[in-house]
Amino acid sequence: AVGNVRIKDPDGAVISSDHITLTDDFRGGFIETLR
């Protein structure tokens, strides 16, 4: 995912970044410059 990326996880946390790579089950991944 690229550009204004936001993820809300099942626990309610919100992760924001400009570039995220995840496994297709969302269990693993890499995030650059995250909040």
PDB file of all heavy atoms in Angstrom:
ATOM      1  N   ALA A   1       0.861  -1.187   0.000  1.00  0.00           N
ATOM      2  CA  ALA A   1       0.000   0.000   0.000  1.00  0.00           C
ATOM      3  C   ALA A   1       0.893   1.231   0.000  1.00  0.00           C
ATOM      4  O   ALA A   1       1.880   1.295   0.735  1.00  0.00           O
ATOM      5  CB  ALA A   1      -0.902  -0.007   1.228  1.00  0.00           C
ATOM      6  N   VAL A   2       0.527   2.213  -0.843  1.00  0.00           N
ATOM      7  CA  VAL A   2       1.339   3.423  -0.986  1.00  0.00           C
ATOM      8  C   VAL A   2       0.428   4.647  -0.943  1.00  0.00           C
ATOM      9  O   VAL A   2      -0.645   4.654  -1.529  1.00  0.00           O
ATOM     10  CB  VAL A   2       2.119   3.395  -2.327  1.00  0.00           C
ATOM     11  CG1 VAL A   2       2.929   4.668  -2.513  1.00  0.00           C
ATOM     12  CG2 VAL A   2       3.011   2.171  -2.414  1.00  0.00           C
ATOM     13  N   GLY A   3       0.888   5.687  -0.246  1.00  0.00           N
ATOM     14  CA  GLY A   3       0.194   6.963  -0.214  1.00  0.00           C
ATOM     15  C   GLY A   3      -0.933   7.032   0.789  1.00  0.00           C
ATOM     16  O   GLY A   3      -1.915   6.327   0.659  1.00  0.00           O
ATOM     17  N   ASN A   4      -0.763   7.861   1.807  1.00  0.00           N
ATOM     18  CA  ASN A   4      -1.799   8.088   2.825  1.00  0.00           C
ATOM     19  C   ASN A   4      -2.362   6.782   3.380  1.00  0.00           C
ATOM     20  O   ASN A   4      -3.574   6.620   3.501  1.00  0.00           O
ATOM     21  CB  ASN A   4      -2.929   8.942   2.252  1.00  0.00           C
ATOM     22  CG  ASN A   4      -2.441  10.279   1.775  1.00  0.00           C
ATOM     23  OD1 ASN A   4      -1.813  11.018   2.533  1.00  0.00           O
ATOM     24  ND2 ASN A   4      -2.689  10.586   0.518  1.00  0.00           N
ATOM     25  N   VAL A   5      -1.481   5.868   3.717  1.00  0.00           N
ATOM     26  CA  VAL A   5      -1.898   4.549   4.188  1.00  0.00           C
ATOM     27  C   VAL A   5      -2.310   4.622   5.653  1.00  0.00           C
ATOM     28  O   VAL A   5      -1.604   5.192   6.483  1.00  0.00           O
ATOM     29  CB  VAL A   5      -0.763   3.516   4.027  1.00  0.00           C
ATOM     30  CG1 VAL A   5      -1.234   2.132   4.454  1.00  0.00           C
ATOM     31  CG2 VAL A   5      -0.231   3.498   2.611  1.00  0.00           C
ATOM     32  N   ARG A   6      -3.468   4.048   5.947  1.00  0.00           N
ATOM     33  CA  ARG A   6      -3.941   3.906   7.323  1.00  0.00           C
ATOM     34  C   ARG A   6      -4.522   2.522   7.488  1.00  0.00           C
ATOM     35  O   ARG A   6      -5.305   2.077   6.655  1.00  0.00           O
ATOM     36  CB  ARG A   6      -4.995   4.967   7.648  1.00  0.00           C
ATOM     37  CG  ARG A   6      -4.395   6.366   7.742  1.00  0.00           C
ATOM     38  CD  ARG A   6      -5.442   7.415   7.851  1.00  0.00           C
ATOM     39  NE  ARG A   6      -6.095   7.507   6.539  1.00  0.00           N
ATOM     40  CZ  ARG A   6      -7.312   7.961   6.343  1.00  0.00           C
ATOM     41  NH1 ARG A   6      -8.048   8.351   7.336  1.00  0.00           N
ATOM     42  NH2 ARG A   6      -7.825   8.017   5.137  1.00  0.00           N
ATOM     43  N   ILE A   7      -4.132   1.883   8.569  1.00  0.00           N
ATOM     44  CA  ILE A   7      -4.664   0.553   8.892  1.00  0.00           C
ATOM     45  C   ILE A   7      -5.262   0.618  10.287  1.00  0.00           C
ATOM     46  O   ILE A   7      -4.638   1.129  11.217  1.00  0.00           O
ATOM     47  CB  ILE A   7      -3.561  -0.525   8.897  1.00  0.00           C
ATOM     48  CG1 ILE A   7      -2.938  -0.668   7.528  1.00  0.00           C
ATOM     49  CG2 ILE A   7      -4.126  -1.858   9.375  1.00  0.00           C
ATOM     50  CD1 ILE A   7      -1.773  -1.632   7.496  1.00  0.00           C
ATOM     51  N   LYS A   8      -6.469   0.096  10.414  1.00  0.00           N
ATOM     52  CA  LYS A   8      -7.067  -0.082  11.742  1.00  0.00           C
ATOM     53  C   LYS A   8      -7.049  -1.575  12.000  1.00  0.00           C
ATOM     54  O   LYS A   8      -7.590  -2.362  11.222  1.00  0.00           O
ATOM     55  CB  LYS A   8      -8.494   0.462  11.782  1.00  0.00           C
ATOM     56  CG  LYS A   8      -9.124   0.333  13.154  1.00  0.00           C
ATOM     57  CD  LYS A   8     -10.504   0.953  13.184  1.00  0.00           C
ATOM     58  CE  LYS A   8     -11.142   0.753  14.534  1.00  0.00           C
ATOM     59  NZ  LYS A   8     -12.519   1.241  14.543  1.00  0.00           N
ATOM     60  N   ASP A   9      -6.378  -1.979  13.089  1.00  0.00           N
ATOM     61  CA  ASP A   9      -6.279  -3.403  13.386  1.00  0.00           C
ATOM     62  C   ASP A   9      -7.429  -3.847  14.291  1.00  0.00           C
ATOM     63  O   ASP A   9      -8.193  -3.018  14.787  1.00  0.00           O
ATOM     64  CB  ASP A   9      -4.894  -3.768  13.940  1.00  0.00           C
ATOM     65  CG  ASP A   9      -4.642  -3.337  15.373  1.00  0.00           C
ATOM     66  OD1 ASP A   9      -5.593  -2.960  16.096  1.00  0.00           O
ATOM     67  OD2 ASP A   9      -3.473  -3.398  15.798  1.00  0.00           O
ATOM     68  N   PRO A  10      -7.580  -5.148  14.508  1.00  0.00           N
ATOM     69  CA  PRO A  10      -8.703  -5.647  15.319  1.00  0.00           C
ATOM     70  C   PRO A  10      -8.739  -5.101  16.742  1.00  0.00           C
ATOM     71  O   PRO A  10      -9.797  -5.044  17.361  1.00  0.00           O
ATOM     72  CB  PRO A  10      -8.495  -7.164  15.322  1.00  0.00           C
ATOM     73  CG  PRO A  10      -7.721  -7.436  14.083  1.00  0.00           C
ATOM     74  CD  PRO A  10      -6.825  -6.245  13.896  1.00  0.00           C
ATOM     75  N   ASP A  11      -7.585  -4.673  17.290  1.00  0.00           N
ATOM     76  CA  ASP A  11      -7.542  -4.127  18.644  1.00  0.00           C
ATOM     77  C   ASP A  11      -7.907  -2.650  18.692  1.00  0.00           C
ATOM     78  O   ASP A  11      -7.930  -2.043  19.759  1.00  0.00           O
ATOM     79  CB  ASP A  11      -6.150  -4.321  19.249  1.00  0.00           C
ATOM     80  CG  ASP A  11      -5.801  -5.785  19.451  1.00  0.00           C
ATOM     81  OD1 ASP A  11      -6.730  -6.596  19.656  1.00  0.00           O
ATOM     82  OD2 ASP A  11      -4.603  -6.112  19.396  1.00  0.00           O
ATOM     83  N   GLY A  12      -8.132  -2.023  17.520  1.00  0.00           N
ATOM     84  CA  GLY A  12      -8.506  -0.622  17.474  1.00  0.00           C
ATOM     85  C   GLY A  12      -7.344   0.331  17.252  1.00  0.00           C
ATOM     86  O   GLY A  12      -7.537   1.537  17.193  1.00  0.00           O
ATOM     87  N   ALA A  13      -6.118  -0.183  17.141  1.00  0.00           N
ATOM     88  CA  ALA A  13      -4.959   0.678  16.883  1.00  0.00           C
ATOM     89  C   ALA A  13      -4.997   1.148  15.433  1.00  0.00           C
ATOM     90  O   ALA A  13      -5.437   0.424  14.537  1.00  0.00           O
ATOM     91  CB  ALA A  13      -3.659  -0.081  17.145  1.00  0.00           C
ATOM     92  N   VAL A  14      -4.528   2.369  15.199  1.00  0.00           N
ATOM     93  CA  VAL A  14      -4.462   2.937  13.862  1.00  0.00           C
ATOM     94  C   VAL A  14      -2.999   3.185  13.523  1.00  0.00           C
ATOM     95  O   VAL A  14      -2.284   3.867  14.262  1.00  0.00           O
ATOM     96  CB  VAL A  14      -5.252   4.255  13.761  1.00  0.00           C
ATOM     97  CG1 VAL A  14      -5.107   4.861  12.369  1.00  0.00           C
ATOM     98  CG2 VAL A  14      -6.723   4.019  14.086  1.00  0.00           C
ATOM     99  N   ILE A  15      -2.556   2.614  12.428  1.00  0.00           N
ATOM    100  CA  ILE A  15      -1.185   2.778  11.948  1.00  0.00           C
ATOM    101  C   ILE A  15      -1.246   3.630  10.695  1.00  0.00           C
ATOM    102  O   ILE A  15      -2.025   3.354   9.787  1.00  0.00           O
ATOM    103  CB  ILE A  15      -0.547   1.413  11.620  1.00  0.00           C
ATOM    104  CG1 ILE A  15      -0.569   0.507  12.850  1.00  0.00           C
ATOM    105  CG2 ILE A  15       0.868   1.598  11.084  1.00  0.00           C
ATOM    106  CD1 ILE A  15      -0.308  -0.953  12.545  1.00  0.00           C
ATOM    107  N   SER A  16      -0.420   4.681  10.639  1.00  0.00           N
ATOM    108  CA  SER A  16      -0.371   5.569   9.479  1.00  0.00           C
ATOM    109  C   SER A  16       1.043   5.561   8.915  1.00  0.00           C
ATOM    110  O   SER A  16       2.023   5.545   9.659  1.00  0.00           O
ATOM    111  CB  SER A  16      -0.726   7.000   9.880  1.00  0.00           C
ATOM    112  OG  SER A  16      -1.992   7.049  10.468  1.00  0.00           O
ATOM    113  N   SER A  17       1.137   5.598   7.584  1.00  0.00           N
ATOM    114  CA  SER A  17       2.427   5.619   6.912  1.00  0.00           C
ATOM    115  C   SER A  17       2.212   6.018   5.463  1.00  0.00           C
ATOM    116  O   SER A  17       1.072   6.177   5.017  1.00  0.00           O
ATOM    117  CB  SER A  17       3.078   4.230   6.986  1.00  0.00           C
ATOM    118  OG  SER A  17       4.340   4.233   6.350  1.00  0.00           O
ATOM    119  N   ASP A  18       3.290   6.150   4.715  1.00  0.00           N
ATOM    120  CA  ASP A  18       3.173   6.387   3.282  1.00  0.00           C
ATOM    121  C   ASP A  18       3.455   5.131   2.476  1.00  0.00           C
ATOM    122  O   ASP A  18       3.184   5.086   1.284  1.00  0.00           O
ATOM    123  CB  ASP A  18       4.122   7.510   2.835  1.00  0.00           C
ATOM    124  CG  ASP A  18       3.575   8.878   3.194  1.00  0.00           C
ATOM    125  OD1 ASP A  18       2.341   9.042   3.179  1.00  0.00           O
ATOM    126  OD2 ASP A  18       4.378   9.769   3.499  1.00  0.00           O
ATOM    127  N   HIS A  19       4.026   4.090   3.126  1.00  0.00           N
ATOM    128  CA  HIS A  19       4.374   2.862   2.410  1.00  0.00           C
ATOM    129  C   HIS A  19       4.376   1.678   3.372  1.00  0.00           C
ATOM    130  O   HIS A  19       5.089   1.699   4.367  1.00  0.00           O
ATOM    131  CB  HIS A  19       5.760   3.014   1.771  1.00  0.00           C
ATOM    132  CG  HIS A  19       6.118   1.895   0.869  1.00  0.00           C
ATOM    133  ND1 HIS A  19       6.725   0.752   1.317  1.00  0.00           N
ATOM    134  CD2 HIS A  19       5.940   1.744  -0.465  1.00  0.00           C
ATOM    135  CE1 HIS A  19       6.918  -0.065   0.292  1.00  0.00           C
ATOM    136  NE2 HIS A  19       6.451   0.516  -0.803  1.00  0.00           N
ATOM    137  N   ILE A  20       3.552   0.689   3.068  1.00  0.00           N
ATOM    138  CA  ILE A  20       3.454  -0.507   3.908  1.00  0.00           C
ATOM    139  C   ILE A  20       3.428  -1.731   3.004  1.00  0.00           C
ATOM    140  O   ILE A  20       2.725  -1.752   1.998  1.00  0.00           O
ATOM    141  CB  ILE A  20       2.155  -0.493   4.764  1.00  0.00           C
ATOM    142  CG1 ILE A  20       2.168   0.679   5.742  1.00  0.00           C
ATOM    143  CG2 ILE A  20       1.961  -1.801   5.499  1.00  0.00           C
ATOM    144  CD1 ILE A  20       0.888   0.833   6.556  1.00  0.00           C
ATOM    145  N   THR A  21       4.186  -2.756   3.384  1.00  0.00           N
ATOM    146  CA  THR A  21       4.116  -4.055   2.708  1.00  0.00           C
ATOM    147  C   THR A  21       3.707  -5.084   3.747  1.00  0.00           C
ATOM    148  O   THR A  21       4.333  -5.182   4.805  1.00  0.00           O
ATOM    149  CB  THR A  21       5.475  -4.435   2.076  1.00  0.00           C
ATOM    150  OG1 THR A  21       5.831  -3.427   1.128  1.00  0.00           O
ATOM    151  CG2 THR A  21       5.393  -5.780   1.376  1.00  0.00           C
ATOM    152  N   LEU A  22       2.644  -5.834   3.445  1.00  0.00           N
ATOM    153  CA  LEU A  22       2.102  -6.826   4.378  1.00  0.00           C
ATOM    154  C   LEU A  22       1.939  -8.171   3.700  1.00  0.00           C
ATOM    155  O   LEU A  22       1.739  -8.237   2.483  1.00  0.00           O
ATOM    156  CB  LEU A  22       0.707  -6.390   4.865  1.00  0.00           C
ATOM    157  CG  LEU A  22       0.591  -5.090   5.622  1.00  0.00           C
ATOM    158  CD1 LEU A  22      -0.868  -4.691   5.729  1.00  0.00           C
ATOM    159  CD2 LEU A  22       1.210  -5.237   6.990  1.00  0.00           C
ATOM    160  N   THR A  23       1.961  -9.231   4.494  1.00  0.00           N
ATOM    161  CA  THR A  23       1.542 -10.522   3.969  1.00  0.00           C
ATOM    162  C   THR A  23       0.052 -10.441   3.725  1.00  0.00           C
ATOM    163  O   THR A  23      -0.646  -9.613   4.329  1.00  0.00           O
ATOM    164  CB  THR A  23       1.866 -11.656   4.962  1.00  0.00           C
ATOM    165  OG1 THR A  23       1.241 -11.373   6.218  1.00  0.00           O
ATOM    166  CG2 THR A  23       3.367 -11.821   5.161  1.00  0.00           C
ATOM    167  N   ASP A  24      -0.469 -11.282   2.856  1.00  0.00           N
ATOM    168  CA  ASP A  24      -1.885 -11.163   2.498  1.00  0.00           C
ATOM    169  C   ASP A  24      -2.845 -11.512   3.637  1.00  0.00           C
ATOM    170  O   ASP A  24      -4.022 -11.235   3.555  1.00  0.00           O
ATOM    171  CB  ASP A  24      -2.217 -11.952   1.229  1.00  0.00           C
ATOM    172  CG  ASP A  24      -1.988 -13.445   1.371  1.00  0.00           C
ATOM    173  OD1 ASP A  24      -1.534 -13.897   2.446  1.00  0.00           O
ATOM    174  OD2 ASP A  24      -2.253 -14.157   0.394  1.00  0.00           O
ATOM    175  N   ASP A  25      -2.326 -12.078   4.741  1.00  0.00           N
ATOM    176  CA  ASP A  25      -3.176 -12.332   5.906  1.00  0.00           C
ATOM    177  C   ASP A  25      -2.993 -11.263   6.996  1.00  0.00           C
ATOM    178  O   ASP A  25      -3.512 -11.401   8.092  1.00  0.00           O
ATOM    179  CB  ASP A  25      -2.926 -13.729   6.474  1.00  0.00           C
ATOM    180  CG  ASP A  25      -1.504 -13.921   6.990  1.00  0.00           C
ATOM    181  OD1 ASP A  25      -0.684 -12.968   6.931  1.00  0.00           O
ATOM    182  OD2 ASP A  25      -1.197 -15.036   7.446  1.00  0.00           O
ATOM    183  N   PHE A  26      -2.197 -10.225   6.705  1.00  0.00           N
ATOM    184  CA  PHE A  26      -1.932  -9.095   7.588  1.00  0.00           C
ATOM    185  C   PHE A  26      -1.136  -9.485   8.835  1.00  0.00           C
ATOM    186  O   PHE A  26      -0.985  -8.695   9.745  1.00  0.00           O
ATOM    187  CB  PHE A  26      -3.233  -8.395   8.025  1.00  0.00           C
ATOM    188  CG  PHE A  26      -3.846  -7.511   6.981  1.00  0.00           C
ATOM    189  CD1 PHE A  26      -4.187  -7.996   5.733  1.00  0.00           C
ATOM    190  CD2 PHE A  26      -4.104  -6.178   7.250  1.00  0.00           C
ATOM    191  CE1 PHE A  26      -4.766  -7.195   4.774  1.00  0.00           C
ATOM    192  CE2 PHE A  26      -4.685  -5.359   6.293  1.00  0.00           C
ATOM    193  CZ  PHE A  26      -5.018  -5.860   5.046  1.00  0.00           C
ATOM    194  N   ARG A  27      -0.592 -10.693   8.909  1.00  0.00           N
ATOM    195  CA  ARG A  27       0.116 -11.144  10.108  1.00  0.00           C
ATOM    196  C   ARG A  27       1.589 -10.740  10.122  1.00  0.00           C
ATOM    197  O   ARG A  27       2.226 -10.750  11.163  1.00  0.00           O
ATOM    198  CB  ARG A  27      -0.018 -12.648  10.280  1.00  0.00           C
ATOM    199  CG  ARG A  27      -1.457 -13.060  10.568  1.00  0.00           C
ATOM    200  CD  ARG A  27      -1.613 -14.547  10.769  1.00  0.00           C
ATOM    201  NE  ARG A  27      -0.693 -15.152  11.697  1.00  0.00           N
ATOM    202  CZ  ARG A  27      -0.801 -15.129  13.033  1.00  0.00           C
ATOM    203  NH1 ARG A  27      -1.809 -14.507  13.587  1.00  0.00           N
ATOM    204  NH2 ARG A  27       0.091 -15.726  13.781  1.00  0.00           N
ATOM    205  N   GLY A  28       2.147 -10.408   8.991  1.00  0.00           N
ATOM    206  CA  GLY A  28       3.547 -10.004   8.926  1.00  0.00           C
ATOM    207  C   GLY A  28       3.686  -8.838   7.981  1.00  0.00           C
ATOM    208  O   GLY A  28       2.803  -8.573   7.167  1.00  0.00           O
ATOM    209  N   GLY A  29       4.810  -8.128   8.089  1.00  0.00           N
ATOM    210  CA  GLY A  29       5.005  -7.039   7.150  1.00  0.00           C
ATOM    211  C   GLY A  29       6.074  -6.067   7.561  1.00  0.00           C
ATOM    212  O   GLY A  29       6.729  -6.223   8.594  1.00  0.00           O
ATOM    213  N   PHE A  30       6.254  -5.039   6.718  1.00  0.00           N
ATOM    214  CA  PHE A  30       7.249  -3.995   6.926  1.00  0.00           C
ATOM    215  C   PHE A  30       6.594  -2.645   6.662  1.00  0.00           C
ATOM    216  O   PHE A  30       5.857  -2.495   5.691  1.00  0.00           O
ATOM    217  CB  PHE A  30       8.438  -4.184   5.979  1.00  0.00           C
ATOM    218  CG  PHE A  30       9.459  -3.094   6.093  1.00  0.00           C
ATOM    219  CD1 PHE A  30      10.372  -3.103   7.136  1.00  0.00           C
ATOM    220  CD2 PHE A  30       9.494  -2.053   5.191  1.00  0.00           C
ATOM    221  CE1 PHE A  30      11.316  -2.086   7.267  1.00  0.00           C
ATOM    222  CE2 PHE A  30      10.427  -1.024   5.310  1.00  0.00           C
ATOM    223  CZ  PHE A  30      11.343  -1.049   6.349  1.00  0.00           C
ATOM    224  N   ILE A  31       6.887  -1.684   7.525  1.00  0.00           N
ATOM    225  CA  ILE A  31       6.310  -0.346   7.397  1.00  0.00           C
ATOM    226  C   ILE A  31       7.434   0.680   7.493  1.00  0.00           C
ATOM    227  O   ILE A  31       8.270   0.602   8.391  1.00  0.00           O
ATOM    228  CB  ILE A  31       5.272  -0.074   8.510  1.00  0.00           C
ATOM    229  CG1 ILE A  31       4.182  -1.133   8.501  1.00  0.00           C
ATOM    230  CG2 ILE A  31       4.688   1.317   8.372  1.00  0.00           C
ATOM    231  CD1 ILE A  31       3.221  -1.045   9.660  1.00  0.00           C
ATOM    232  N   GLU A  32       7.428   1.646   6.582  1.00  0.00           N
ATOM    233  CA  GLU A  32       8.401   2.742   6.619  1.00  0.00           C
ATOM    234  C   GLU A  32       7.767   3.966   7.265  1.00  0.00           C
ATOM    235  O   GLU A  32       6.603   4.266   7.018  1.00  0.00           O
ATOM    236  CB  GLU A  32       8.827   3.112   5.199  1.00  0.00           C
ATOM    237  CG  GLU A  32       9.559   2.022   4.463  1.00  0.00           C
ATOM    238  CD  GLU A  32       9.850   2.410   3.023  1.00  0.00           C
ATOM    239  OE1 GLU A  32       9.723   3.601   2.668  1.00  0.00           O
ATOM    240  OE2 GLU A  32      10.200   1.510   2.257  1.00  0.00           O
ATOM    241  N   THR A  33       8.531   4.679   8.070  1.00  0.00           N
ATOM    242  CA  THR A  33       8.116   5.926   8.712  1.00  0.00           C
ATOM    243  C   THR A  33       6.660   5.849   9.175  1.00  0.00           C
ATOM    244  O   THR A  33       5.758   6.327   8.514  1.00  0.00           O
ATOM    245  CB  THR A  33       8.298   7.137   7.770  1.00  0.00           C
ATOM    246  OG1 THR A  33       9.576   7.049   7.165  1.00  0.00           O
ATOM    247  CG2 THR A  33       8.211   8.440   8.536  1.00  0.00           C
ATOM    248  N   LEU A  34       6.470   5.228  10.309  1.00  0.00           N
ATOM    249  CA  LEU A  34       5.111   4.960  10.768  1.00  0.00           C
ATOM    250  C   LEU A  34       4.726   5.750  11.998  1.00  0.00           C
ATOM    251  O   LEU A  34       5.577   6.212  12.749  1.00  0.00           O
ATOM    252  CB  LEU A  34       4.940   3.476  11.051  1.00  0.00           C
ATOM    253  CG  LEU A  34       5.727   2.928  12.250  1.00  0.00           C
ATOM    254  CD1 LEU A  34       4.804   2.706  13.414  1.00  0.00           C
ATOM    255  CD2 LEU A  34       6.418   1.662  11.853  1.00  0.00           C
ATOM    256  N   ARG A  35       3.422   5.880  12.159  1.00  0.00           N
ATOM    257  CA  ARG A  35       2.814   6.493  13.322  1.00  0.00           C
ATOM    258  C   ARG A  35       1.712   5.545  13.781  1.00  0.00           C
ATOM    259  O   ARG A  35       0.849   5.198  12.999  1.00  0.00           O
ATOM    260  CB  ARG A  35       2.234   7.856  12.963  1.00  0.00           C
ATOM    261  CG  ARG A  35       3.289   8.818  12.454  1.00  0.00           C
ATOM    262  CD  ARG A  35       2.749  10.018  11.705  1.00  0.00           C
ATOM    263  NE  ARG A  35       1.901   9.763  10.549  1.00  0.00           N
ATOM    264  CZ  ARG A  35       2.351   9.463   9.332  1.00  0.00           C
ATOM    265  NH1 ARG A  35       3.639   9.342   9.099  1.00  0.00           N
ATOM    266  NH2 ARG A  35       1.526   9.277   8.335  1.00  0.00           N
TER     267      ARG A  35
END
